[in-house]
Amino acid sequence: MGSTQLLLKFLKSKRIINDLTSAEKETGTGNITLKKGTDLFIRDNITGMGTILKEDLENHYYITSVKNGMFGNSLTYALIERHDSSAKIVAYAHEGLIKQNLVSKTIDKITKALS
């Protein structure tokens, strides 16, 4: 199962999204090189961004919410999957009428914290 599908199925199980195919259009991905290639490093640096919703140390990924938007009142969701010294980030955000590019802002915020 891919990272995007893993994130979306988790969000559907928590009733954050209803339809997987329409939610897949509102996702974005990014790849980064980590300062340290450990799970503890990722956990320590994403703790202040929001709430860690799921932590899987066997498969080396975290699902977290990230406060974003104009006043930090929009929640976006991200999956960070570690592969040795690099990581793949998959972000999901439901955009309203005013497009704020929340997915790219979420990926940039996580990238700054981890690289």
N, C-alpha and C. Protein backbone atom coordinates (compact mmCIF):
# COMPACT_ATOMS: atom_id res chain seq x y z
N MET A 1 0.85 -1.18 0.00
CA MET A 1 0.00 0.00 0.00
C MET A 1 0.89 1.24 0.00
N GLY A 2 0.56 2.19 -0.82
CA GLY A 2 1.35 3.41 -0.93
C GLY A 2 1.13 4.35 0.25
N SER A 3 2.01 5.31 0.39
CA SER A 3 1.94 6.26 1.49
C SER A 3 0.68 7.11 1.44
N THR A 4 0.30 7.52 0.23
CA THR A 4 -0.90 8.34 0.09
C THR A 4 -2.14 7.58 0.52
N GLN A 5 -2.25 6.33 0.07
CA GLN A 5 -3.41 5.51 0.44
C GLN A 5 -3.41 5.22 1.93
N LEU A 6 -2.25 5.02 2.53
CA LEU A 6 -2.16 4.77 3.96
C LEU A 6 -2.68 5.96 4.75
N LEU A 7 -2.27 7.17 4.36
CA LEU A 7 -2.74 8.38 5.03
C LEU A 7 -4.25 8.54 4.86
N LEU A 8 -4.74 8.38 3.63
CA LEU A 8 -6.16 8.61 3.38
C LEU A 8 -7.04 7.56 4.07
N LYS A 9 -6.62 6.32 4.12
CA LYS A 9 -7.40 5.30 4.81
C LYS A 9 -7.44 5.56 6.31
N PHE A 10 -6.34 6.06 6.86
CA PHE A 10 -6.33 6.42 8.28
C PHE A 10 -7.30 7.57 8.53
N LEU A 11 -7.27 8.60 7.67
CA LEU A 11 -8.17 9.74 7.84
C LEU A 11 -9.63 9.34 7.67
N LYS A 12 -9.88 8.38 6.79
CA LYS A 12 -11.26 7.90 6.62
C LYS A 12 -11.72 7.12 7.85
N SER A 13 -10.83 6.36 8.46
CA SER A 13 -11.20 5.60 9.66
C SER A 13 -11.51 6.54 10.83
N LYS A 14 -10.91 7.73 10.84
CA LYS A 14 -11.18 8.73 11.87
C LYS A 14 -12.32 9.68 11.48
N ARG A 15 -12.93 9.42 10.32
CA ARG A 15 -14.06 10.20 9.78
C ARG A 15 -13.70 11.66 9.51
N ILE A 16 -12.45 11.87 9.10
CA ILE A 16 -12.03 13.21 8.69
C ILE A 16 -12.38 13.44 7.23
N ILE A 17 -12.31 12.37 6.43
CA ILE A 17 -12.70 12.42 5.03
C ILE A 17 -13.74 11.34 4.77
N ASN A 18 -14.49 11.51 3.68
CA ASN A 18 -15.51 10.53 3.32
C ASN A 18 -15.14 9.72 2.09
N ASP A 19 -14.61 10.39 1.08
CA ASP A 19 -14.35 9.75 -0.20
C ASP A 19 -12.85 9.76 -0.49
N LEU A 20 -12.29 8.58 -0.71
CA LEU A 20 -10.85 8.48 -0.95
C LEU A 20 -10.43 9.08 -2.28
N THR A 21 -11.24 8.90 -3.33
CA THR A 21 -10.83 9.38 -4.66
C THR A 21 -10.84 10.90 -4.74
N SER A 22 -11.82 11.55 -4.13
CA SER A 22 -11.83 13.02 -4.17
C SER A 22 -10.78 13.60 -3.22
N ALA A 23 -10.49 12.92 -2.13
CA ALA A 23 -9.47 13.40 -1.19
C ALA A 23 -8.07 13.24 -1.77
N GLU A 24 -7.88 12.27 -2.66
CA GLU A 24 -6.56 12.06 -3.26
C GLU A 24 -6.14 13.25 -4.11
N LYS A 25 -7.09 14.00 -4.63
CA LYS A 25 -6.78 15.19 -5.43
C LYS A 25 -6.26 16.33 -4.56
N GLU A 26 -6.51 16.27 -3.25
CA GLU A 26 -6.11 17.32 -2.33
C GLU A 26 -4.86 16.95 -1.55
N THR A 27 -4.04 16.04 -2.08
CA THR A 27 -2.81 15.63 -1.41
C THR A 27 -1.60 16.10 -2.21
N GLY A 28 -0.48 16.11 -1.56
CA GLY A 28 0.78 16.44 -2.20
C GLY A 28 1.90 15.67 -1.53
N THR A 29 3.01 15.48 -2.23
CA THR A 29 4.12 14.72 -1.69
C THR A 29 5.42 15.50 -1.82
N GLY A 30 6.37 15.10 -1.00
CA GLY A 30 7.70 15.68 -1.06
C GLY A 30 8.71 14.71 -0.48
N ASN A 31 9.95 14.82 -0.90
CA ASN A 31 11.04 14.01 -0.38
C ASN A 31 12.10 14.93 0.20
N ILE A 32 12.63 14.53 1.37
CA ILE A 32 13.65 15.35 2.02
C ILE A 32 14.78 14.47 2.53
N THR A 33 15.90 15.10 2.79
CA THR A 33 17.02 14.44 3.46
C THR A 33 17.02 14.90 4.91
N LEU A 34 17.06 13.97 5.82
CA LEU A 34 16.96 14.27 7.24
C LEU A 34 18.32 14.67 7.82
N LYS A 35 18.29 15.53 8.86
CA LYS A 35 19.51 15.83 9.61
C LYS A 35 20.02 14.58 10.30
N LYS A 36 19.12 13.87 10.94
CA LYS A 36 19.42 12.60 11.61
C LYS A 36 18.41 11.58 11.11
N GLY A 37 18.86 10.40 10.80
CA GLY A 37 17.97 9.37 10.27
C GLY A 37 17.39 8.47 11.34
N THR A 38 16.75 9.05 12.36
CA THR A 38 16.14 8.25 13.42
C THR A 38 14.68 8.64 13.61
N ASP A 39 13.90 7.70 14.13
CA ASP A 39 12.49 7.97 14.41
C ASP A 39 12.33 8.98 15.54
N LEU A 40 13.21 8.91 16.53
CA LEU A 40 13.13 9.83 17.66
C LEU A 40 13.36 11.27 17.22
N PHE A 41 14.26 11.49 16.27
CA PHE A 41 14.50 12.83 15.73
C PHE A 41 13.25 13.40 15.08
N ILE A 42 12.57 12.57 14.29
CA ILE A 42 11.34 13.01 13.64
C ILE A 42 10.29 13.35 14.70
N ARG A 43 10.12 12.46 15.65
CA ARG A 43 9.11 12.66 16.69
C ARG A 43 9.35 13.94 17.48
N ASP A 44 10.59 14.19 17.87
CA ASP A 44 10.91 15.38 18.64
C ASP A 44 10.63 16.66 17.87
N ASN A 45 10.87 16.65 16.57
CA ASN A 45 10.72 17.88 15.78
C ASN A 45 9.30 18.14 15.30
N ILE A 46 8.45 17.14 15.26
CA ILE A 46 7.07 17.39 14.83
C ILE A 46 6.10 17.52 15.99
N THR A 47 6.60 17.35 17.21
CA THR A 47 5.72 17.40 18.38
C THR A 47 5.03 18.75 18.53
N GLY A 48 5.71 19.85 18.32
CA GLY A 48 5.12 21.17 18.52
C GLY A 48 4.21 21.65 17.40
N MET A 49 4.19 20.95 16.28
CA MET A 49 3.40 21.38 15.13
C MET A 49 1.92 21.08 15.27
N GLY A 50 1.61 20.05 16.00
CA GLY A 50 0.23 19.61 16.14
C GLY A 50 0.19 18.37 17.02
N THR A 51 -0.69 17.45 16.69
CA THR A 51 -0.84 16.22 17.46
C THR A 51 -0.38 15.04 16.64
N ILE A 52 0.43 14.18 17.24
CA ILE A 52 0.81 12.94 16.56
C ILE A 52 -0.36 11.98 16.69
N LEU A 53 -0.96 11.61 15.57
CA LEU A 53 -2.14 10.77 15.56
C LEU A 53 -1.80 9.29 15.56
N LYS A 54 -0.71 8.92 14.89
CA LYS A 54 -0.31 7.53 14.82
C LYS A 54 1.21 7.45 14.70
N GLU A 55 1.77 6.50 15.44
CA GLU A 55 3.21 6.30 15.42
C GLU A 55 3.45 4.81 15.19
N ASP A 56 4.12 4.47 14.11
CA ASP A 56 4.42 3.07 13.78
C ASP A 56 5.93 2.94 13.66
N LEU A 57 6.55 2.42 14.71
CA LEU A 57 8.00 2.32 14.73
C LEU A 57 8.52 1.13 13.93
N GLU A 58 7.68 0.13 13.69
CA GLU A 58 8.10 -1.01 12.88
C GLU A 58 8.23 -0.64 11.42
N ASN A 59 7.29 0.16 10.92
CA ASN A 59 7.30 0.58 9.52
C ASN A 59 7.88 1.99 9.34
N HIS A 60 8.29 2.62 10.42
CA HIS A 60 8.98 3.92 10.42
C HIS A 60 8.14 5.03 9.79
N TYR A 61 6.93 5.24 10.29
CA TYR A 61 6.16 6.39 9.83
C TYR A 61 5.34 7.00 10.96
N TYR A 62 5.03 8.27 10.79
CA TYR A 62 4.19 9.03 11.70
C TYR A 62 3.06 9.67 10.91
N ILE A 63 1.88 9.73 11.51
CA ILE A 63 0.78 10.52 10.96
C ILE A 63 0.50 11.61 11.98
N THR A 64 0.51 12.84 11.54
CA THR A 64 0.36 13.97 12.44
C THR A 64 -0.57 15.02 11.86
N SER A 65 -1.14 15.82 12.73
CA SER A 65 -1.87 17.00 12.28
C SER A 65 -0.92 18.18 12.39
N VAL A 66 -1.09 19.15 11.52
CA VAL A 66 -0.22 20.33 11.50
C VAL A 66 -1.12 21.56 11.47
N LYS A 67 -0.87 22.47 12.42
CA LYS A 67 -1.63 23.72 12.45
C LYS A 67 -1.07 24.62 11.37
N ASN A 68 -1.95 25.12 10.51
CA ASN A 68 -1.53 25.92 9.37
C ASN A 68 -2.57 26.99 9.11
N GLY A 69 -2.35 27.76 8.09
CA GLY A 69 -3.32 28.78 7.72
C GLY A 69 -2.93 30.14 8.27
N MET A 70 -3.83 31.10 8.11
CA MET A 70 -3.53 32.48 8.45
C MET A 70 -3.21 32.65 9.94
N PHE A 71 -4.04 32.15 10.83
CA PHE A 71 -3.81 32.28 12.26
C PHE A 71 -3.57 30.92 12.92
N GLY A 72 -3.19 29.93 12.13
CA GLY A 72 -2.98 28.60 12.67
C GLY A 72 -4.28 27.89 12.99
N ASN A 73 -5.35 28.30 12.33
CA ASN A 73 -6.65 27.71 12.64
C ASN A 73 -7.09 26.64 11.64
N SER A 74 -6.28 26.34 10.67
CA SER A 74 -6.58 25.28 9.71
C SER A 74 -5.73 24.06 10.02
N LEU A 75 -6.36 22.91 10.12
CA LEU A 75 -5.62 21.68 10.37
C LEU A 75 -5.35 20.97 9.06
N THR A 76 -4.12 20.61 8.87
CA THR A 76 -3.74 19.76 7.75
C THR A 76 -3.17 18.48 8.34
N TYR A 77 -3.06 17.46 7.53
CA TYR A 77 -2.60 16.16 8.02
C TYR A 77 -1.44 15.70 7.15
N ALA A 78 -0.47 15.06 7.78
CA ALA A 78 0.72 14.63 7.05
C ALA A 78 1.17 13.26 7.54
N LEU A 79 1.72 12.50 6.61
CA LEU A 79 2.38 11.24 6.90
C LEU A 79 3.85 11.43 6.58
N ILE A 80 4.70 11.10 7.54
CA ILE A 80 6.15 11.19 7.35
C ILE A 80 6.69 9.78 7.44
N GLU A 81 7.21 9.29 6.33
CA GLU A 81 7.72 7.92 6.26
C GLU A 81 9.23 7.96 6.06
N ARG A 82 9.96 7.40 7.04
CA ARG A 82 11.42 7.45 7.02
C ARG A 82 12.02 6.26 6.28
N HIS A 83 13.00 6.55 5.43
CA HIS A 83 13.80 5.54 4.74
C HIS A 83 15.27 5.88 4.99
N ASP A 84 15.89 5.25 5.98
CA ASP A 84 17.27 5.51 6.38
C ASP A 84 17.48 7.00 6.68
N SER A 85 18.18 7.73 5.83
CA SER A 85 18.47 9.14 6.10
C SER A 85 17.59 10.09 5.28
N SER A 86 16.57 9.57 4.64
CA SER A 86 15.64 10.41 3.89
C SER A 86 14.22 10.10 4.35
N ALA A 87 13.29 10.96 3.95
CA ALA A 87 11.89 10.77 4.34
C ALA A 87 10.98 11.22 3.22
N LYS A 88 9.84 10.56 3.15
CA LYS A 88 8.79 10.95 2.20
C LYS A 88 7.67 11.58 3.02
N ILE A 89 7.19 12.72 2.55
CA ILE A 89 6.10 13.42 3.23
C ILE A 89 4.90 13.42 2.30
N VAL A 90 3.76 12.99 2.83
CA VAL A 90 2.48 13.07 2.11
C VAL A 90 1.57 13.95 2.96
N ALA A 91 1.04 15.01 2.38
CA ALA A 91 0.19 15.95 3.12
C ALA A 91 -1.19 16.01 2.50
N TYR A 92 -2.20 16.20 3.36
CA TYR A 92 -3.58 16.36 2.93
C TYR A 92 -4.16 17.60 3.60
N ALA A 93 -4.88 18.39 2.82
CA ALA A 93 -5.58 19.55 3.36
C ALA A 93 -6.85 19.77 2.54
N HIS A 94 -7.92 20.04 3.23
CA HIS A 94 -9.17 20.38 2.55
C HIS A 94 -9.21 21.90 2.38
N GLU A 95 -9.14 22.33 1.14
CA GLU A 95 -9.16 23.77 0.84
C GLU A 95 -10.61 24.25 0.81
N GLY A 96 -10.83 25.44 1.32
CA GLY A 96 -12.15 26.05 1.28
C GLY A 96 -12.32 26.88 0.01
N LEU A 97 -13.12 27.92 0.09
CA LEU A 97 -13.35 28.79 -1.06
C LEU A 97 -12.11 29.59 -1.42
N ILE A 98 -11.38 30.02 -0.41
CA ILE A 98 -10.16 30.78 -0.63
C ILE A 98 -8.99 29.81 -0.58
N LYS A 99 -8.33 29.64 -1.71
CA LYS A 99 -7.21 28.70 -1.79
C LYS A 99 -5.99 29.29 -1.09
N GLN A 100 -5.45 28.57 -0.11
CA GLN A 100 -4.30 29.03 0.66
C GLN A 100 -3.05 28.19 0.43
N ASN A 101 -3.11 27.22 -0.48
CA ASN A 101 -1.98 26.32 -0.76
C ASN A 101 -1.49 25.64 0.52
N LEU A 102 -2.42 25.10 1.29
CA LEU A 102 -2.10 24.51 2.59
C LEU A 102 -1.22 23.27 2.47
N VAL A 103 -1.37 22.50 1.41
CA VAL A 103 -0.57 21.29 1.26
C VAL A 103 0.91 21.65 1.09
N SER A 104 1.20 22.58 0.21
CA SER A 104 2.60 22.96 0.01
C SER A 104 3.17 23.66 1.24
N LYS A 105 2.37 24.43 1.96
CA LYS A 105 2.84 25.07 3.19
C LYS A 105 3.12 24.04 4.27
N THR A 106 2.33 22.99 4.32
CA THR A 106 2.56 21.93 5.30
C THR A 106 3.85 21.19 4.99
N ILE A 107 4.07 20.86 3.73
CA ILE A 107 5.31 20.17 3.34
C ILE A 107 6.51 21.05 3.63
N ASP A 108 6.42 22.35 3.34
CA ASP A 108 7.52 23.26 3.62
C ASP A 108 7.80 23.38 5.12
N LYS A 109 6.76 23.42 5.93
CA LYS A 109 6.92 23.54 7.37
C LYS A 109 7.61 22.30 7.96
N ILE A 110 7.22 21.13 7.50
CA ILE A 110 7.83 19.89 7.97
C ILE A 110 9.27 19.79 7.46
N THR A 111 9.50 20.20 6.22
CA THR A 111 10.84 20.16 5.65
C THR A 111 11.80 21.05 6.43
N LYS A 112 11.37 22.24 6.81
CA LYS A 112 12.22 23.15 7.59
C LYS A 112 12.55 22.55 8.96
N ALA A 113 11.61 21.83 9.54
CA ALA A 113 11.83 21.26 10.86
C ALA A 113 12.77 20.04 10.83
N LEU A 114 12.76 19.29 9.73
CA LEU A 114 13.50 18.03 9.70
C LEU A 114 14.81 18.06 8.92
N SER A 115 15.01 19.07 8.07
CA SER A 115 16.25 19.07 7.27
C SER A 115 17.13 20.27 7.60
